Amino acid sequence: MRIPVAVVLGLFLVNASSQEPVRLFAAGSLRAAMTEIMQASSVPATGTFGPSGLLRERIEKGEGAEVFASADMDHPGRLEKQGKAMPVRLFARNRLCALAAPQAAVTTETLLARMLDPAVKLGISTPKADPSGDYAWALFAKADAVQPGARAKLEAKALKLTGGPDSPPPPKDRSQYGQLVAEGKADIFLTYCTNALQARAENAAQQIVQVPADLAVGADYGLTVLKGARPEAERFAQFVLSPAGQAVLAKHGFAAGDEK
């Protein structure tokens, strides 16, 4: 019995599609963790990393992402509202820390005063394009309740050094935050605590300063599967949410989605 050519071709195309890696778009702060998760998953995947807001824009313009792991809930939520993505799932938590140069002479108790010091260069990521910048903006808003007028001063002086459409690309396999502090571009950089840990691992003299409770800002990370994605995409998302995937995230400093 001869099998029609069209059937053979269809089987070939289905098999080729199932072997193609799942296309993951993920926040830059997830690069190390998601790279390890991709290596551990039985579902082949390839990652594109960058600021979540810019990745969301690329998806809106038609780039073929199948899974989107954002550093916030808003950007994947916008895709869901547009009918482009499945319901968003909270899969990890992070928070802001201050990465400081050795000479910055800053502690948790003096962080606000040092950030307000005109002589201190304060670095952040770009708001709207990168959720890290939005979280920094939220911290500045909280600072206003501690010291009236602080918000306007901090927003005016903050240097948007990363995460924007025109920002220099991050160095390969190195912390851009640690590099910027080491080069003197910033004396204090507000970034995720996970990023600060990586930076200090590469620059032992740099200091991680915990944000005081009255300024603390948490970051909720959202995961979604794009409409039209292959079944393998949902299988990969399920692995991220599984105990094995969550263990990798915890290893890299993230809290589980159900933890505060």
Protein backbone atom coordinates (compact mmCIF):
# COMPACT_ATOMS: atom_id res chain seq x y z
CA MET A 1 0.00 0.00 0.00
CA ARG A 2 1.41 3.33 -1.06
CA ILE A 3 1.03 6.29 1.31
CA PRO A 4 0.01 9.48 -0.52
CA VAL A 5 2.77 12.06 -0.83
CA ALA A 6 0.59 14.69 0.86
CA VAL A 7 0.24 12.48 3.96
CA VAL A 8 3.98 11.86 4.12
CA LEU A 9 4.68 15.56 3.76
CA GLY A 10 2.14 16.38 6.48
CA LEU A 11 3.73 13.89 8.87
CA PHE A 12 7.16 15.35 8.13
CA LEU A 13 5.98 18.89 8.84
CA VAL A 14 4.30 17.88 12.11
CA ASN A 15 7.43 16.06 13.25
CA ALA A 16 9.67 19.01 12.30
CA SER A 17 7.38 21.40 14.19
CA SER A 18 7.50 19.24 17.33
CA GLN A 19 11.31 19.20 17.20
CA GLU A 20 11.64 22.98 16.85
CA PRO A 21 12.56 24.53 20.22
CA VAL A 22 9.89 26.48 22.06
CA ARG A 23 10.52 30.20 21.58
CA LEU A 24 10.83 31.85 25.00
CA PHE A 25 10.92 35.63 25.46
CA ALA A 26 12.07 36.43 29.00
CA ALA A 27 13.13 39.36 31.15
CA GLY A 28 16.86 39.99 31.25
CA SER A 29 16.92 39.40 35.01
CA LEU A 30 15.83 35.80 34.27
CA ARG A 31 18.69 35.03 31.87
CA ALA A 32 20.75 32.82 34.20
CA ALA A 33 17.77 31.07 35.80
CA MET A 34 15.89 30.48 32.56
CA THR A 35 19.02 29.25 30.80
CA GLU A 36 19.38 26.60 33.50
CA ILE A 37 15.67 25.79 33.33
CA MET A 38 15.91 25.32 29.57
CA GLN A 39 18.82 22.93 30.08
CA ALA A 40 16.86 20.95 32.69
CA SER A 41 13.55 20.80 30.81
CA SER A 42 12.67 17.84 28.61
CA VAL A 43 11.07 20.36 26.22
CA PRO A 44 13.71 21.98 23.98
CA ALA A 45 13.53 25.77 24.18
CA THR A 46 15.50 28.77 22.99
CA GLY A 47 15.57 32.08 24.84
CA THR A 48 15.45 35.73 23.83
CA PHE A 49 16.17 38.03 26.77
CA GLY A 50 15.66 41.74 27.29
CA PRO A 51 13.56 44.43 29.00
CA SER A 52 10.04 43.10 29.41
CA GLY A 53 8.36 46.18 27.95
CA LEU A 54 10.44 46.03 24.80
CA LEU A 55 9.83 42.29 24.45
CA ARG A 56 6.09 42.89 24.79
CA GLU A 57 6.27 45.44 21.98
CA ARG A 58 8.10 42.94 19.77
CA ILE A 59 5.39 40.34 20.42
CA GLU A 60 2.70 42.90 19.59
CA LYS A 61 4.45 43.53 16.28
CA GLY A 62 4.26 39.85 15.39
CA GLU A 63 7.53 38.24 16.51
CA GLY A 64 6.99 34.55 17.07
CA ALA A 65 7.30 34.13 20.82
CA GLU A 66 5.45 31.18 22.33
CA VAL A 67 6.13 31.75 26.04
CA PHE A 68 6.63 35.16 27.67
CA ALA A 69 8.20 35.42 31.14
CA SER A 70 8.03 39.02 32.30
CA ALA A 71 9.50 40.83 35.30
CA ASP A 72 6.02 42.16 36.05
CA MET A 73 2.39 41.17 35.63
CA ASP A 74 1.40 44.21 33.55
CA HIS A 75 3.17 43.53 30.25
CA PRO A 76 1.92 39.94 29.83
CA GLY A 77 -1.45 41.11 31.15
CA ARG A 78 -1.68 43.61 28.31
CA LEU A 79 -1.11 40.81 25.82
CA GLU A 80 -3.84 38.77 27.50
CA LYS A 81 -6.27 41.70 27.28
CA GLN A 82 -5.44 42.07 23.57
CA GLY A 83 -6.36 38.42 23.02
CA LYS A 84 -2.77 37.51 22.16
CA ALA A 85 -1.98 35.45 25.26
CA MET A 86 -3.43 32.95 27.70
CA PRO A 87 -4.11 33.91 31.36
CA VAL A 88 -1.01 35.19 33.15
CA ARG A 89 0.42 33.13 36.01
CA LEU A 90 2.54 34.55 38.83
CA PHE A 91 5.61 32.33 38.86
CA ALA A 92 8.33 34.16 40.80
CA ARG A 93 8.96 37.13 43.05
CA ASN A 94 11.90 39.49 43.32
CA ARG A 95 12.59 42.81 45.05
CA LEU A 96 14.72 45.90 44.68
CA CYS A 97 18.14 46.24 46.28
CA ALA A 98 20.80 48.92 45.96
CA LEU A 99 24.10 47.93 44.40
CA ALA A 100 26.74 50.34 45.66
CA ALA A 101 30.35 51.13 44.87
CA PRO A 102 32.80 50.61 47.74
CA GLN A 103 33.29 54.36 48.15
CA ALA A 104 29.56 55.11 48.26
CA ALA A 105 29.50 54.72 52.05
CA VAL A 106 25.86 53.71 52.22
CA THR A 107 23.81 51.57 54.59
CA THR A 108 20.16 50.64 54.74
CA GLU A 109 19.61 53.47 57.20
CA THR A 110 21.36 56.08 55.06
CA LEU A 111 20.19 54.87 51.64
CA LEU A 112 17.60 57.61 51.06
CA ALA A 113 19.95 60.38 52.16
CA ARG A 114 22.75 59.08 49.95
CA MET A 115 20.45 58.74 46.94
CA LEU A 116 19.36 62.35 47.44
CA ASP A 117 22.94 63.60 47.76
CA PRO A 118 23.67 65.68 44.62
CA ALA A 119 27.20 64.28 44.53
CA VAL A 120 25.98 60.68 44.31
CA LYS A 121 25.25 59.24 40.84
CA LEU A 122 22.03 57.19 41.05
CA GLY A 123 21.43 54.62 38.32
CA ILE A 124 18.17 52.92 37.39
CA SER A 125 16.65 51.10 34.43
CA THR A 126 14.31 52.87 32.02
CA PRO A 127 10.70 53.10 33.26
CA LYS A 128 7.94 51.76 30.97
CA ALA A 129 10.47 49.86 28.86
CA ASP A 130 11.90 47.90 31.80
CA PRO A 131 9.84 47.02 34.90
CA SER A 132 12.95 47.52 37.06
CA GLY A 133 12.70 51.21 36.22
CA ASP A 134 9.01 51.21 37.12
CA TYR A 135 9.82 49.63 40.47
CA ALA A 136 12.46 52.32 41.07
CA TRP A 137 9.80 54.95 40.32
CA ALA A 138 7.55 53.24 42.89
CA LEU A 139 10.35 53.45 45.44
CA PHE A 140 10.72 57.17 44.72
CA ALA A 141 6.99 57.63 45.35
CA LYS A 142 7.35 55.92 48.73
CA ALA A 143 10.31 58.19 49.52
CA ASP A 144 8.00 61.19 49.26
CA ALA A 145 6.07 59.94 52.29
CA VAL A 146 9.31 59.68 54.26
CA GLN A 147 10.76 62.99 53.11
CA PRO A 148 8.41 65.38 51.27
CA GLY A 149 9.86 66.46 47.93
CA ALA A 150 12.13 63.42 47.66
CA ARG A 151 10.24 61.94 44.72
CA ALA A 152 10.75 64.91 42.42
CA LYS A 153 14.42 65.16 43.34
CA LEU A 154 15.06 61.46 42.77
CA GLU A 155 13.18 61.35 39.47
CA ALA A 156 15.11 64.39 38.26
CA LYS A 157 18.55 63.03 39.11
CA ALA A 158 18.12 59.31 38.35
CA LEU A 159 20.25 58.16 35.41
CA LYS A 160 18.38 55.76 33.11
CA LEU A 161 21.39 53.65 32.20
CA THR A 162 19.82 50.34 31.13
CA GLY A 163 16.67 48.82 29.72
CA GLY A 164 15.73 51.49 27.19
CA PRO A 165 15.39 51.16 23.42
CA ASP A 166 18.65 53.09 22.95
CA SER A 167 20.57 51.63 25.91
CA PRO A 168 23.85 49.86 25.11
CA PRO A 169 23.42 46.07 24.95
CA PRO A 170 24.49 44.25 28.12
CA PRO A 171 27.90 42.56 28.03
CA LYS A 172 27.82 38.87 27.23
CA ASP A 173 27.83 36.67 30.34
CA ARG A 174 28.63 39.61 32.62
CA SER A 175 26.57 41.81 34.92
CA GLN A 176 25.88 45.14 33.24
CA TYR A 177 25.01 46.63 36.64
CA GLY A 178 28.29 45.59 38.21
CA GLN A 179 30.13 46.89 35.17
CA LEU A 180 28.40 50.27 35.27
CA VAL A 181 29.17 50.68 38.96
CA ALA A 182 32.77 49.54 38.43
CA GLU A 183 33.17 52.08 35.61
CA GLY A 184 31.87 54.89 37.82
CA LYS A 185 28.72 55.45 35.74
CA ALA A 186 26.70 55.01 38.93
CA ASP A 187 27.64 55.12 42.60
CA ILE A 188 24.35 53.48 43.59
CA PHE A 189 22.26 51.40 41.21
CA LEU A 190 18.70 50.36 42.09
CA THR A 191 18.18 46.92 40.60
CA TYR A 192 16.73 43.55 41.46
CA CYS A 193 18.37 41.78 44.38
CA THR A 194 19.06 38.84 42.06
CA ASN A 195 20.96 41.15 39.70
CA ALA A 196 22.88 42.62 42.63
CA LEU A 197 23.94 39.15 43.75
CA GLN A 198 25.35 38.39 40.31
CA ALA A 199 27.12 41.75 40.19
CA ARG A 200 28.79 41.23 43.55
CA ALA A 201 29.85 37.72 42.55
CA GLU A 202 31.83 39.37 39.74
CA ASN A 203 32.89 42.46 41.74
CA ALA A 204 33.57 41.40 45.32
CA ALA A 205 34.15 44.94 46.59
CA GLN A 206 30.69 46.11 45.56
CA GLN A 207 28.06 46.25 48.26
CA ILE A 208 24.46 45.03 48.29
CA VAL A 209 22.32 47.34 50.42
CA GLN A 210 18.88 46.22 51.51
CA VAL A 211 16.14 48.78 50.99
CA PRO A 212 14.51 49.94 54.25
CA ALA A 213 11.02 48.63 54.94
CA ASP A 214 9.31 51.97 54.34
CA LEU A 215 10.79 52.12 50.83
CA ALA A 216 10.69 48.42 49.96
CA VAL A 217 9.28 47.44 46.57
CA GLY A 218 8.51 43.87 45.51
CA ALA A 219 8.43 42.55 41.95
CA ASP A 220 5.88 39.97 40.78
CA TYR A 221 6.91 38.01 37.67
CA GLY A 222 4.24 36.86 35.22
CA LEU A 223 4.31 33.90 32.81
CA THR A 224 2.02 33.44 29.82
CA VAL A 225 1.72 31.21 26.78
CA LEU A 226 0.94 33.05 23.56
CA LYS A 227 -2.17 32.21 21.57
CA GLY A 228 -1.41 29.86 18.70
CA ALA A 229 1.64 28.36 20.43
CA ARG A 230 2.31 24.64 20.10
CA PRO A 231 1.41 22.24 22.96
CA GLU A 232 5.10 22.06 23.81
CA ALA A 233 4.95 25.70 24.92
CA GLU A 234 2.44 24.89 27.66
CA ARG A 235 4.55 21.89 28.68
CA PHE A 236 7.56 24.17 29.05
CA ALA A 237 5.51 26.69 31.07
CA GLN A 238 4.35 23.88 33.34
CA PHE A 239 7.97 22.89 33.94
CA VAL A 240 8.79 26.47 35.00
CA LEU A 241 5.92 26.26 37.49
CA SER A 242 6.87 22.77 38.69
CA PRO A 243 8.91 22.10 41.86
CA ALA A 244 11.96 21.44 39.68
CA GLY A 245 11.63 24.75 37.85
CA GLN A 246 10.90 26.63 41.04
CA ALA A 247 13.99 25.10 42.65
CA VAL A 248 16.15 26.54 39.87
CA LEU A 249 14.57 29.97 40.36
CA ALA A 250 15.18 29.74 44.12
CA LYS A 251 18.81 28.82 43.47
CA HIS A 252 19.18 32.11 41.61
CA GLY A 253 17.61 34.16 44.41
CA PHE A 254 13.96 34.31 43.33
CA ALA A 255 11.10 33.58 45.71
CA ALA A 256 8.28 31.28 44.63
CA GLY A 257 5.15 32.84 43.21
CA ASP A 258 3.17 31.95 46.35
CA GLU A 259 5.73 33.49 48.71
CA LYS A 260 5.92 37.11 49.84
